[in-house]
Amino acid sequence: MVNGKPSFGSQSDPDGPILRLDDGGMDKQNIPVAPLLYRDVDVIVAVDNSGDLTTNWPNGTALYTTMQWAQQRNIAFPNVPSPDQMVASGNSTKPRFYGCNASSGPLIVYLPAAPVSNGANGVVNIGTVSFSVDAKYVPFFITNGQMNALRPAGSPGAADVPSNWAQCVGCAVMLRQLKKAGTPIPATCQTCFNQLCYS
């Protein structure tokens, strides 16, 4: 109380009663993966809509930063390539599975935003500090987001994944439980992992 009124602290009073909230992007962890690492989950679907590059597409910084954060805390997390390696290998524009062969920690199904629908490039990859979007572009956002996740046959993004992409995601979800049960990996799933697993 100051002069009979509640005091809410100040910027220079970090111990005051102000609750400061930060977005995960403040430390470059734009994908909210870290809280899930404490829950012993088998698989995490990580959708990366970061605007890391000058083109406002992701380069894997969020996932790489989370890996470093987890390593500093001895939390199991799969190895992922550095942002430079991710871009150079083309893995910043197409789905990949990280941690397929790991004995602990989650398998990460990484879905980086990419222009996988006609007319999306230059429209849906807008700057982070964009406070409004012209309504005529909303359908591009919805269509591109849907195609980025589903990768339907005939779409520009279908070439980056096996033709049974949906089944491959199902295989990723089951992988840890299959290994725990000592059940052989189905041939279809193994084909998916051969094409999509990074590590």
Protein backbone atom coordinates (compact mmCIF):
# COMPACT_ATOMS: atom_id res chain seq x y z
CA MET A 1 0.00 0.00 0.00
CA VAL A 2 1.25 3.45 -0.92
CA ASN A 3 -0.74 6.37 0.48
CA GLY A 4 -3.60 3.99 1.24
CA LYS A 5 -3.72 2.64 -2.33
CA PRO A 6 -2.53 -0.72 -3.71
CA SER A 7 0.97 -0.64 -5.12
CA PHE A 8 1.56 -2.67 -8.23
CA GLY A 9 5.33 -2.39 -8.38
CA SER A 10 7.26 -0.90 -11.27
CA GLN A 11 9.61 -1.84 -14.04
CA SER A 12 12.51 -1.24 -11.64
CA ASP A 13 10.89 -3.38 -8.90
CA PRO A 14 11.13 -7.01 -10.10
CA ASP A 15 9.89 -8.26 -6.72
CA GLY A 16 6.73 -6.17 -6.88
CA PRO A 17 3.31 -7.77 -7.36
CA ILE A 18 3.33 -7.30 -11.15
CA LEU A 19 2.93 -10.52 -13.05
CA ARG A 20 4.99 -10.31 -16.21
CA LEU A 21 4.03 -12.64 -19.03
CA ASP A 22 6.29 -13.37 -21.96
CA ASP A 23 5.62 -15.11 -25.21
CA GLY A 24 7.78 -18.18 -25.88
CA GLY A 25 9.27 -16.29 -28.79
CA MET A 26 11.15 -14.06 -26.35
CA ASP A 27 13.78 -16.80 -26.08
CA LYS A 28 13.24 -18.08 -29.65
CA GLN A 29 11.09 -21.03 -28.57
CA ASN A 30 8.13 -20.12 -30.79
CA ILE A 31 6.72 -23.64 -30.68
CA PRO A 32 5.33 -24.44 -27.19
CA VAL A 33 7.14 -27.77 -26.89
CA ALA A 34 8.99 -27.29 -23.58
CA PRO A 35 5.99 -27.78 -21.23
CA LEU A 36 5.19 -31.09 -22.94
CA LEU A 37 8.66 -32.43 -22.16
CA TYR A 38 7.71 -32.66 -18.50
CA ARG A 39 4.69 -34.83 -19.30
CA ASP A 40 6.51 -37.85 -20.73
CA VAL A 41 4.59 -37.73 -24.00
CA ASP A 42 5.42 -40.14 -26.84
CA VAL A 43 5.02 -37.75 -29.75
CA ILE A 44 4.74 -34.00 -30.28
CA VAL A 45 3.39 -32.44 -33.46
CA ALA A 46 5.36 -29.20 -33.74
CA VAL A 47 3.89 -26.72 -36.21
CA ASP A 48 6.44 -23.99 -36.92
CA ASN A 49 5.04 -20.72 -38.25
CA SER A 50 8.09 -18.67 -37.32
CA GLY A 51 9.32 -15.94 -39.61
CA ASP A 52 13.05 -16.58 -39.20
CA LEU A 53 14.23 -15.91 -42.73
CA THR A 54 14.04 -12.64 -44.67
CA THR A 55 11.20 -14.33 -46.57
CA ASN A 56 9.34 -14.80 -43.24
CA TRP A 57 9.45 -18.62 -43.44
CA PRO A 58 10.90 -20.75 -40.61
CA ASN A 59 14.45 -22.07 -40.55
CA GLY A 60 14.13 -24.40 -37.56
CA THR A 61 15.46 -21.97 -34.95
CA ALA A 62 12.52 -22.67 -32.60
CA LEU A 63 13.08 -26.42 -32.55
CA TYR A 64 16.86 -26.09 -32.34
CA THR A 65 16.59 -23.62 -29.45
CA THR A 66 14.26 -25.97 -27.58
CA MET A 67 16.76 -28.80 -28.10
CA GLN A 68 19.52 -26.66 -26.58
CA TRP A 69 17.23 -25.65 -23.70
CA ALA A 70 16.39 -29.30 -23.00
CA GLN A 71 20.03 -30.38 -23.16
CA GLN A 72 20.98 -27.74 -20.57
CA ARG A 73 18.41 -29.27 -18.23
CA ASN A 74 19.19 -32.93 -19.00
CA ILE A 75 15.73 -33.42 -20.50
CA ALA A 76 15.48 -36.02 -23.26
CA PHE A 77 14.99 -34.35 -26.63
CA PRO A 78 15.95 -35.54 -30.12
CA ASN A 79 18.86 -34.10 -32.01
CA VAL A 80 17.84 -31.59 -34.64
CA PRO A 81 20.04 -29.82 -37.16
CA SER A 82 21.11 -26.22 -36.71
CA PRO A 83 19.07 -23.61 -38.60
CA ASP A 84 21.82 -23.32 -41.23
CA GLN A 85 21.86 -27.09 -41.71
CA MET A 86 18.07 -27.22 -41.77
CA VAL A 87 17.90 -24.67 -44.58
CA ALA A 88 20.81 -26.16 -46.55
CA SER A 89 19.25 -29.64 -46.46
CA GLY A 90 15.77 -28.40 -47.37
CA ASN A 91 14.34 -29.67 -44.08
CA SER A 92 13.03 -26.21 -43.21
CA THR A 93 10.31 -26.52 -45.86
CA LYS A 94 9.04 -30.07 -45.45
CA PRO A 95 7.84 -32.37 -42.67
CA ARG A 96 10.40 -34.44 -40.81
CA PHE A 97 10.38 -36.80 -37.85
CA TYR A 98 13.05 -36.15 -35.21
CA GLY A 99 13.98 -38.77 -32.64
CA CYS A 100 12.83 -41.93 -34.42
CA ASN A 101 15.75 -43.96 -33.11
CA ALA A 102 16.04 -42.31 -29.70
CA SER A 103 15.60 -44.50 -26.64
CA SER A 104 13.97 -41.74 -24.59
CA GLY A 105 12.11 -38.50 -25.09
CA PRO A 106 9.37 -37.75 -27.57
CA LEU A 107 9.37 -38.22 -31.31
CA ILE A 108 8.86 -34.81 -32.90
CA VAL A 109 6.67 -34.55 -36.00
CA TYR A 110 7.96 -31.24 -37.36
CA LEU A 111 5.67 -29.31 -39.71
CA PRO A 112 7.35 -26.11 -40.86
CA ALA A 113 5.15 -23.56 -42.58
CA ALA A 114 5.80 -23.54 -46.31
CA PRO A 115 4.03 -22.26 -49.43
CA VAL A 116 2.23 -25.49 -50.25
CA SER A 117 -0.84 -23.99 -51.89
CA ASN A 118 -1.01 -21.89 -55.02
CA GLY A 119 -0.81 -18.17 -54.29
CA ALA A 120 0.41 -18.59 -50.69
CA ASN A 121 3.97 -17.34 -51.07
CA GLY A 122 4.16 -13.63 -50.33
CA VAL A 123 0.68 -13.71 -48.77
CA VAL A 124 0.70 -16.02 -45.75
CA ASN A 125 4.33 -15.47 -44.78
CA ILE A 126 3.74 -12.04 -43.28
CA GLY A 127 5.87 -10.31 -40.67
CA THR A 128 5.50 -11.18 -37.02
CA VAL A 129 4.42 -7.67 -36.10
CA SER A 130 1.48 -7.50 -38.49
CA PHE A 131 -1.56 -6.21 -36.68
CA SER A 132 -4.05 -6.70 -39.48
CA VAL A 133 -4.52 -8.76 -42.59
CA ASP A 134 -6.69 -7.88 -45.55
CA ALA A 135 -9.79 -10.08 -45.38
CA LYS A 136 -9.31 -11.20 -48.98
CA TYR A 137 -6.16 -13.08 -47.88
CA VAL A 138 -7.83 -15.08 -45.10
CA PRO A 139 -8.75 -17.98 -47.45
CA PHE A 140 -5.06 -18.28 -48.41
CA PHE A 141 -4.10 -18.63 -44.74
CA ILE A 142 -6.73 -21.31 -44.15
CA THR A 143 -6.00 -23.25 -47.34
CA ASN A 144 -2.23 -23.15 -46.92
CA GLY A 145 -2.43 -24.18 -43.26
CA GLN A 146 -4.69 -27.09 -44.13
CA MET A 147 -2.52 -28.23 -47.04
CA ASN A 148 0.64 -27.86 -44.95
CA ALA A 149 -0.73 -30.34 -42.42
CA LEU A 150 -2.59 -32.72 -44.74
CA ARG A 151 -0.35 -32.65 -47.84
CA PRO A 152 -3.13 -33.93 -50.13
CA ALA A 153 -2.30 -35.67 -53.40
CA GLY A 154 -1.84 -33.21 -56.23
CA SER A 155 -0.94 -30.30 -53.94
CA PRO A 156 2.49 -28.64 -54.22
CA GLY A 157 3.44 -30.02 -50.78
CA ALA A 158 2.56 -33.63 -51.61
CA ALA A 159 5.93 -34.16 -53.28
CA ASP A 160 7.71 -33.66 -49.93
CA VAL A 161 6.03 -36.59 -48.17
CA PRO A 162 5.16 -40.23 -48.91
CA SER A 163 1.82 -40.74 -50.64
CA ASN A 164 0.46 -42.28 -47.43
CA TRP A 165 1.36 -39.20 -45.37
CA ALA A 166 -1.61 -39.52 -42.99
CA GLN A 167 -0.68 -43.11 -42.26
CA CYS A 168 2.92 -42.04 -41.63
CA VAL A 169 1.75 -39.58 -38.98
CA GLY A 170 -0.20 -42.44 -37.39
CA CYS A 171 2.97 -44.53 -37.42
CA ALA A 172 4.83 -41.72 -35.65
CA VAL A 173 2.15 -41.58 -32.97
CA MET A 174 2.45 -45.35 -32.37
CA LEU A 175 6.23 -45.73 -32.60
CA ARG A 176 7.15 -45.31 -28.92
CA GLN A 177 4.40 -47.70 -27.79
CA LEU A 178 5.40 -50.30 -30.39
CA LYS A 179 8.99 -50.15 -29.13
CA LYS A 180 7.92 -50.39 -25.47
CA ALA A 181 5.79 -53.44 -26.28
CA GLY A 182 8.57 -55.04 -28.30
CA THR A 183 6.23 -55.21 -31.28
CA PRO A 184 7.86 -55.27 -34.72
CA ILE A 185 7.43 -52.07 -36.71
CA PRO A 186 4.94 -52.68 -39.57
CA ALA A 187 6.56 -52.57 -43.01
CA THR A 188 4.42 -49.60 -44.05
CA CYS A 189 5.60 -47.64 -41.02
CA GLN A 190 9.21 -48.58 -41.61
CA THR A 191 8.92 -47.21 -45.14
CA CYS A 192 7.58 -43.95 -43.70
CA PHE A 193 10.41 -43.76 -41.18
CA ASN A 194 13.00 -44.47 -43.88
CA GLN A 195 11.76 -41.44 -45.79
CA LEU A 196 10.88 -39.04 -42.98
CA CYS A 197 13.18 -39.70 -40.01
CA TYR A 198 16.10 -37.40 -39.47
CA SER A 199 17.51 -39.17 -36.45
